[in-house]
PDB file of N, CA and C in Angstrom:
ATOM      1  N   UNK A   1     -19.066-322.536  -2.273  1.00  0.00           N
ATOM      2  CA  UNK A   1     -20.388-322.399  -2.850  1.00  0.00           C
ATOM      3  C   UNK A   1     -20.596-323.520  -3.854  1.00  0.00           C
ATOM      4  N   UNK A   2     -21.639-324.322  -3.698  1.00  0.00           N
ATOM      5  CA  UNK A   2     -21.874-325.423  -4.624  1.00  0.00           C
ATOM      6  C   UNK A   2     -22.337-324.916  -5.977  1.00  0.00           C
ATOM      7  N   UNK A   3     -21.922-325.626  -6.991  1.00  0.00           N
ATOM      8  CA  UNK A   3     -22.357-325.253  -8.336  1.00  0.00           C
ATOM      9  C   UNK A   3     -23.268-326.333  -8.874  1.00  0.00           C
ATOM     10  N   UNK A   4     -24.117-325.948  -9.797  1.00  0.00           N
ATOM     11  CA  UNK A   4     -25.074-326.893 -10.343  1.00  0.00           C
ATOM     12  C   UNK A   4     -24.769-327.265 -11.776  1.00  0.00           C
ATOM     13  N   UNK A   5     -24.859-328.533 -12.090  1.00  0.00           N
ATOM     14  CA  UNK A   5     -24.674-329.005 -13.454  1.00  0.00           C
ATOM     15  C   UNK A   5     -23.298-328.679 -13.998  1.00  0.00           C
ATOM     16  N   UNK A   6     -23.236-328.493 -15.290  1.00  0.00           N
ATOM     17  CA  UNK A   6     -21.958-328.194 -15.933  1.00  0.00           C
ATOM     18  C   UNK A   6     -21.811-326.713 -16.235  1.00  0.00           C
ATOM     19  N   UNK A   7     -22.772-325.921 -15.824  1.00  0.00           N
ATOM     20  CA  UNK A   7     -22.720-324.492 -16.132  1.00  0.00           C
ATOM     21  C   UNK A   7     -21.788-323.736 -15.207  1.00  0.00           C
ATOM     22  N   UNK A   8     -21.524-324.283 -14.031  1.00  0.00           N
ATOM     23  CA  UNK A   8     -20.694-323.584 -13.071  1.00  0.00           C
ATOM     24  C   UNK A   8     -21.447-322.515 -12.307  1.00  0.00           C
ATOM     25  N   UNK A   9     -22.741-322.355 -12.542  1.00  0.00           N
ATOM     26  CA  UNK A   9     -23.546-321.373 -11.824  1.00  0.00           C
ATOM     27  C   UNK A   9     -24.215-322.039 -10.639  1.00  0.00           C
ATOM     28  N   UNK A  10     -24.209-321.361  -9.519  1.00  0.00           N
ATOM     29  CA  UNK A  10     -24.882-321.914  -8.357  1.00  0.00           C
ATOM     30  C   UNK A  10     -26.361-321.559  -8.401  1.00  0.00           C
ATOM     31  N   UNK A  11     -27.147-322.320  -7.683  1.00  0.00           N
ATOM     32  CA  UNK A  11     -28.582-322.040  -7.594  1.00  0.00           C
ATOM     33  C   UNK A  11     -28.811-320.673  -6.972  1.00  0.00           C
ATOM     34  N   UNK A  12     -27.983-320.296  -6.001  1.00  0.00           N
ATOM     35  CA  UNK A  12     -28.145-318.994  -5.353  1.00  0.00           C
ATOM     36  C   UNK A  12     -27.980-317.869  -6.357  1.00  0.00           C
ATOM     37  N   UNK A  13     -27.011-317.981  -7.249  1.00  0.00           N
ATOM     38  CA  UNK A  13     -26.820-316.942  -8.252  1.00  0.00           C
ATOM     39  C   UNK A  13     -28.004-316.881  -9.203  1.00  0.00           C
ATOM     40  N   UNK A  14     -28.509-318.033  -9.593  1.00  0.00           N
ATOM     41  CA  UNK A  14     -29.666-318.058 -10.482  1.00  0.00           C
ATOM     42  C   UNK A  14     -30.866-317.398  -9.822  1.00  0.00           C
ATOM     43  N   UNK A  15     -31.054-317.635  -8.542  1.00  0.00           N
ATOM     44  CA  UNK A  15     -32.167-317.023  -7.815  1.00  0.00           C
ATOM     45  C   UNK A  15     -31.989-315.506  -7.754  1.00  0.00           C
ATOM     46  N   UNK A  16     -30.770-315.044  -7.536  1.00  0.00           N
ATOM     47  CA  UNK A  16     -30.512-313.605  -7.473  1.00  0.00           C
ATOM     48  C   UNK A  16     -30.750-312.953  -8.828  1.00  0.00           C
ATOM     49  N   UNK A  17     -30.346-313.629  -9.897  1.00  0.00           N
ATOM     50  CA  UNK A  17     -30.569-313.103 -11.250  1.00  0.00           C
ATOM     51  C   UNK A  17     -32.063-313.015 -11.519  1.00  0.00           C
ATOM     52  N   UNK A  18     -32.798-314.058 -11.157  1.00  0.00           N
ATOM     53  CA  UNK A  18     -34.252-314.053 -11.372  1.00  0.00           C
ATOM     54  C   UNK A  18     -34.929-312.968 -10.540  1.00  0.00           C
ATOM     55  N   UNK A  19     -34.510-312.824  -9.294  1.00  0.00           N
ATOM     56  CA  UNK A  19     -35.078-311.777  -8.439  1.00  0.00           C
ATOM     57  C   UNK A  19     -34.834-310.391  -9.043  1.00  0.00           C
ATOM     58  N   UNK A  20     -33.623-310.165  -9.536  1.00  0.00           N
ATOM     59  CA  UNK A  20     -33.292-308.882 -10.159  1.00  0.00           C
ATOM     60  C   UNK A  20     -34.111-308.666 -11.422  1.00  0.00           C
ATOM     61  N   UNK A  21     -34.302-309.721 -12.202  1.00  0.00           N
ATOM     62  CA  UNK A  21     -35.082-309.614 -13.441  1.00  0.00           C
ATOM     63  C   UNK A  21     -36.534-309.260 -13.148  1.00  0.00           C
ATOM     64  N   UNK A  22     -37.099-309.908 -12.154  1.00  0.00           N
ATOM     65  CA  UNK A  22     -38.488-309.613 -11.782  1.00  0.00           C
ATOM     66  C   UNK A  22     -38.610-308.174 -11.316  1.00  0.00           C
ATOM     67  N   UNK A  23     -37.691-307.753 -10.466  1.00  0.00           N
ATOM     68  CA  UNK A  23     -37.719-306.379  -9.967  1.00  0.00           C
ATOM     69  C   UNK A  23     -37.608-305.393 -11.125  1.00  0.00           C
ATOM     70  N   UNK A  24     -36.658-305.640 -12.021  1.00  0.00           N
ATOM     71  CA  UNK A  24     -36.436-304.713 -13.127  1.00  0.00           C
ATOM     72  C   UNK A  24     -37.647-304.673 -14.062  1.00  0.00           C
ATOM     73  N   UNK A  25     -38.230-305.835 -14.352  1.00  0.00           N
ATOM     74  CA  UNK A  25     -39.399-305.897 -15.224  1.00  0.00           C
ATOM     75  C   UNK A  25     -40.596-305.174 -14.617  1.00  0.00           C
ATOM     76  N   UNK A  26     -40.660-305.101 -13.298  1.00  0.00           N
ATOM     77  CA  UNK A  26     -41.776-304.452 -12.608  1.00  0.00           C
ATOM     78  C   UNK A  26     -41.652-302.921 -12.559  1.00  0.00           C
ATOM     79  N   UNK A  27     -40.505-302.389 -12.893  1.00  0.00           N
ATOM     80  CA  UNK A  27     -40.296-300.942 -12.814  1.00  0.00           C
ATOM     81  C   UNK A  27     -40.994-300.236 -13.968  1.00  0.00           C
ATOM     82  N   UNK A  28     -41.837-299.246 -13.657  1.00  0.00           N
ATOM     83  CA  UNK A  28     -42.501-298.472 -14.715  1.00  0.00           C
ATOM     84  C   UNK A  28     -41.485-297.679 -15.524  1.00  0.00           C
ATOM     85  N   UNK A  29     -40.527-297.102 -14.823  1.00  0.00           N
ATOM     86  CA  UNK A  29     -39.435-296.389 -15.471  1.00  0.00           C
ATOM     87  C   UNK A  29     -38.134-296.988 -14.949  1.00  0.00           C
ATOM     88  N   UNK A  30     -37.622-298.018 -15.639  1.00  0.00           N
ATOM     89  CA  UNK A  30     -36.415-298.695 -15.162  1.00  0.00           C
ATOM     90  C   UNK A  30     -35.240-297.736 -15.018  1.00  0.00           C
ATOM     91  N   UNK A  31     -34.443-297.933 -13.986  1.00  0.00           N
ATOM     92  CA  UNK A  31     -33.299-297.051 -13.759  1.00  0.00           C
ATOM     93  C   UNK A  31     -32.252-297.208 -14.851  1.00  0.00           C
ATOM     94  N   UNK A  32     -31.578-296.135 -15.138  1.00  0.00           N
ATOM     95  CA  UNK A  32     -30.498-296.128 -16.120  1.00  0.00           C
ATOM     96  C   UNK A  32     -29.289-295.476 -15.502  1.00  0.00           C
ATOM     97  N   UNK A  33     -28.101-295.960 -15.700  1.00  0.00           N
ATOM     98  CA  UNK A  33     -27.770-297.194 -16.411  1.00  0.00           C
ATOM     99  C   UNK A  33     -28.138-298.416 -15.579  1.00  0.00           C
ATOM    100  N   UNK A  34     -28.669-299.412 -16.235  1.00  0.00           N
ATOM    101  CA  UNK A  34     -29.257-300.558 -15.547  1.00  0.00           C
ATOM    102  C   UNK A  34     -28.233-301.490 -14.909  1.00  0.00           C
ATOM    103  N   UNK A  35     -27.158-301.785 -15.603  1.00  0.00           N
ATOM    104  CA  UNK A  35     -26.200-302.767 -15.083  1.00  0.00           C
ATOM    105  C   UNK A  35     -25.632-302.345 -13.730  1.00  0.00           C
ATOM    106  N   UNK A  36     -25.135-301.123 -13.579  1.00  0.00           N
ATOM    107  CA  UNK A  36     -24.616-300.743 -12.257  1.00  0.00           C
ATOM    108  C   UNK A  36     -25.682-300.783 -11.155  1.00  0.00           C
ATOM    109  N   UNK A  37     -26.902-300.422 -11.501  1.00  0.00           N
ATOM    110  CA  UNK A  37     -27.983-300.456 -10.510  1.00  0.00           C
ATOM    111  C   UNK A  37     -28.228-301.892 -10.049  1.00  0.00           C
ATOM    112  N   UNK A  38     -28.306-302.825 -10.982  1.00  0.00           N
ATOM    113  CA  UNK A  38     -28.543-304.220 -10.622  1.00  0.00           C
ATOM    114  C   UNK A  38     -27.355-304.812  -9.864  1.00  0.00           C
ATOM    115  N   UNK A  39     -26.155-304.430 -10.256  1.00  0.00           N
ATOM    116  CA  UNK A  39     -24.968-304.915  -9.543  1.00  0.00           C
ATOM    117  C   UNK A  39     -24.991-304.451  -8.097  1.00  0.00           C
ATOM    118  N   UNK A  40     -25.286-303.181  -7.883  1.00  0.00           N
ATOM    119  CA  UNK A  40     -25.298-302.629  -6.531  1.00  0.00           C
ATOM    120  C   UNK A  40     -26.475-303.156  -5.708  1.00  0.00           C
ATOM    121  N   UNK A  41     -27.645-303.166  -6.293  1.00  0.00           N
ATOM    122  CA  UNK A  41     -28.853-303.521  -5.548  1.00  0.00           C
ATOM    123  C   UNK A  41     -28.926-305.010  -5.211  1.00  0.00           C
ATOM    124  N   UNK A  42     -28.451-305.862  -6.138  1.00  0.00           N
ATOM    125  CA  UNK A  42     -28.598-307.311  -5.960  1.00  0.00           C
ATOM    126  C   UNK A  42     -27.272-308.049  -5.803  1.00  0.00           C
ATOM    127  N   UNK A  43     -26.159-307.333  -5.813  1.00  0.00           N
ATOM    128  CA  UNK A  43     -24.857-307.960  -5.641  1.00  0.00           C
ATOM    129  C   UNK A  43     -24.463-308.871  -6.787  1.00  0.00           C
ATOM    130  N   UNK A  44     -24.869-308.513  -8.000  1.00  0.00           N
ATOM    131  CA  UNK A  44     -24.594-309.340  -9.171  1.00  0.00           C
ATOM    132  C   UNK A  44     -23.280-308.946  -9.836  1.00  0.00           C
ATOM    133  N   UNK A  45     -22.733-309.881 -10.583  1.00  0.00           N
ATOM    134  CA  UNK A  45     -21.604-309.556 -11.457  1.00  0.00           C
ATOM    135  C   UNK A  45     -22.167-308.843 -12.690  1.00  0.00           C
ATOM    136  N   UNK A  46     -21.282-308.317 -13.503  1.00  0.00           N
ATOM    137  CA  UNK A  46     -21.737-307.668 -14.737  1.00  0.00           C
ATOM    138  C   UNK A  46     -22.462-308.670 -15.628  1.00  0.00           C
ATOM    139  N   UNK A  47     -21.915-309.868 -15.755  1.00  0.00           N
ATOM    140  CA  UNK A  47     -22.558-310.896 -16.573  1.00  0.00           C
ATOM    141  C   UNK A  47     -23.935-311.247 -16.029  1.00  0.00           C
ATOM    142  N   UNK A  48     -24.045-311.423 -14.725  1.00  0.00           N
ATOM    143  CA  UNK A  48     -25.337-311.740 -14.118  1.00  0.00           C
ATOM    144  C   UNK A  48     -26.335-310.609 -14.315  1.00  0.00           C
ATOM    145  N   UNK A  49     -25.879-309.368 -14.219  1.00  0.00           N
ATOM    146  CA  UNK A  49     -26.770-308.219 -14.432  1.00  0.00           C
ATOM    147  C   UNK A  49     -27.292-308.213 -15.860  1.00  0.00           C
ATOM    148  N   UNK A  50     -26.436-308.517 -16.826  1.00  0.00           N
ATOM    149  CA  UNK A  50     -26.907-308.545 -18.217  1.00  0.00           C
ATOM    150  C   UNK A  50     -27.859-309.718 -18.444  1.00  0.00           C
ATOM    151  N   UNK A  51     -27.622-310.835 -17.768  1.00  0.00           N
ATOM    152  CA  UNK A  51     -28.559-311.961 -17.841  1.00  0.00           C
ATOM    153  C   UNK A  51     -29.914-311.564 -17.255  1.00  0.00           C
ATOM    154  N   UNK A  52     -29.894-310.833 -16.155  1.00  0.00           N
ATOM    155  CA  UNK A  52     -31.136-310.369 -15.530  1.00  0.00           C
ATOM    156  C   UNK A  52     -31.889-309.422 -16.457  1.00  0.00           C
ATOM    157  N   UNK A  53     -31.174-308.559 -17.159  1.00  0.00           N
ATOM    158  CA  UNK A  53     -31.827-307.638 -18.095  1.00  0.00           C
ATOM    159  C   UNK A  53     -32.482-308.393 -19.247  1.00  0.00           C
ATOM    160  N   UNK A  54     -31.803-309.397 -19.760  1.00  0.00           N
ATOM    161  CA  UNK A  54     -32.382-310.210 -20.838  1.00  0.00           C
ATOM    162  C   UNK A  54     -33.619-310.952 -20.339  1.00  0.00           C
ATOM    163  N   UNK A  55     -33.542-311.484 -19.136  1.00  0.00           N
ATOM    164  CA  UNK A  55     -34.674-312.193 -18.544  1.00  0.00           C
ATOM    165  C   UNK A  55     -35.836-311.228 -18.317  1.00  0.00           C
ATOM    166  N   UNK A  56     -35.549-310.026 -17.848  1.00  0.00           N
ATOM    167  CA  UNK A  56     -36.595-309.018 -17.622  1.00  0.00           C
ATOM    168  C   UNK A  56     -37.308-308.692 -18.925  1.00  0.00           C
ATOM    169  N   UNK A  57     -36.563-308.603 -20.011  1.00  0.00           N
ATOM    170  CA  UNK A  57     -37.178-308.325 -21.310  1.00  0.00           C
ATOM    171  C   UNK A  57     -38.108-309.467 -21.718  1.00  0.00           C
ATOM    172  N   UNK A  58     -37.682-310.707 -21.480  1.00  0.00           N
ATOM    173  CA  UNK A  58     -38.554-311.850 -21.790  1.00  0.00           C
ATOM    174  C   UNK A  58     -39.815-311.807 -20.932  1.00  0.00           C
ATOM    175  N   UNK A  59     -39.668-311.432 -19.654  1.00  0.00           N
ATOM    176  CA  UNK A  59     -40.842-311.313 -18.778  1.00  0.00           C
ATOM    177  C   UNK A  59     -41.822-310.281 -19.329  1.00  0.00           C
ATOM    178  N   UNK A  60     -41.317-309.142 -19.778  1.00  0.00           N
ATOM    179  CA  UNK A  60     -42.181-308.098 -20.329  1.00  0.00           C
ATOM    180  C   UNK A  60     -42.924-308.584 -21.572  1.00  0.00           C
ATOM    181  N   UNK A  61     -42.222-309.312 -22.439  1.00  0.00           N
ATOM    182  CA  UNK A  61     -42.836-309.819 -23.672  1.00  0.00           C
ATOM    183  C   UNK A  61     -43.968-310.790 -23.319  1.00  0.00           C
ATOM    184  N   UNK A  62     -43.713-311.688 -22.384  1.00  0.00           N
ATOM    185  CA  UNK A  62     -44.723-312.661 -21.990  1.00  0.00           C
ATOM    186  C   UNK A  62     -45.927-311.965 -21.359  1.00  0.00           C
ATOM    187  N   UNK A  63     -45.651-310.968 -20.530  1.00  0.00           N
ATOM    188  CA  UNK A  63     -46.757-310.226 -19.897  1.00  0.00           C
ATOM    189  C   UNK A  63     -47.638-309.563 -20.938  1.00  0.00           C
ATOM    190  N   UNK A  64     -47.030-308.959 -21.963  1.00  0.00           N
ATOM    191  CA  UNK A  64     -47.807-308.312 -23.024  1.00  0.00           C
ATOM    192  C   UNK A  64     -48.608-309.333 -23.808  1.00  0.00           C
ATOM    193  N   UNK A  65     -48.007-310.489 -24.072  1.00  0.00           N
ATOM    194  CA  UNK A  65     -48.670-311.513 -24.859  1.00  0.00           C
ATOM    195  C   UNK A  65     -49.886-312.108 -24.147  1.00  0.00           C
ATOM    196  N   UNK A  66     -49.809-312.192 -22.823  1.00  0.00           N
ATOM    197  CA  UNK A  66     -50.876-312.828 -22.069  1.00  0.00           C
ATOM    198  C   UNK A  66     -51.678-311.861 -21.201  1.00  0.00           C
ATOM    199  N   UNK A  67     -51.527-310.584 -21.442  1.00  0.00           N
ATOM    200  CA  UNK A  67     -52.250-309.598 -20.643  1.00  0.00           C
ATOM    201  C   UNK A  67     -53.687-309.472 -21.060  1.00  0.00           C
TER     202      UNK A  67
END
């Protein structure tokens, strides 16, 4: 699997994290516990799932600011 830049993360992983973040941000009542759900649903690692949760929170903030 090719990695991008010096981060060691592949583009595919970044896309999966973003997809999970968008999905999670779109949930009216997000599932709990969130990390296991994102790991199972999107095949993410624990670190990637937590990155997706942080990204989802940023998406929600931006949506509120520009709604």
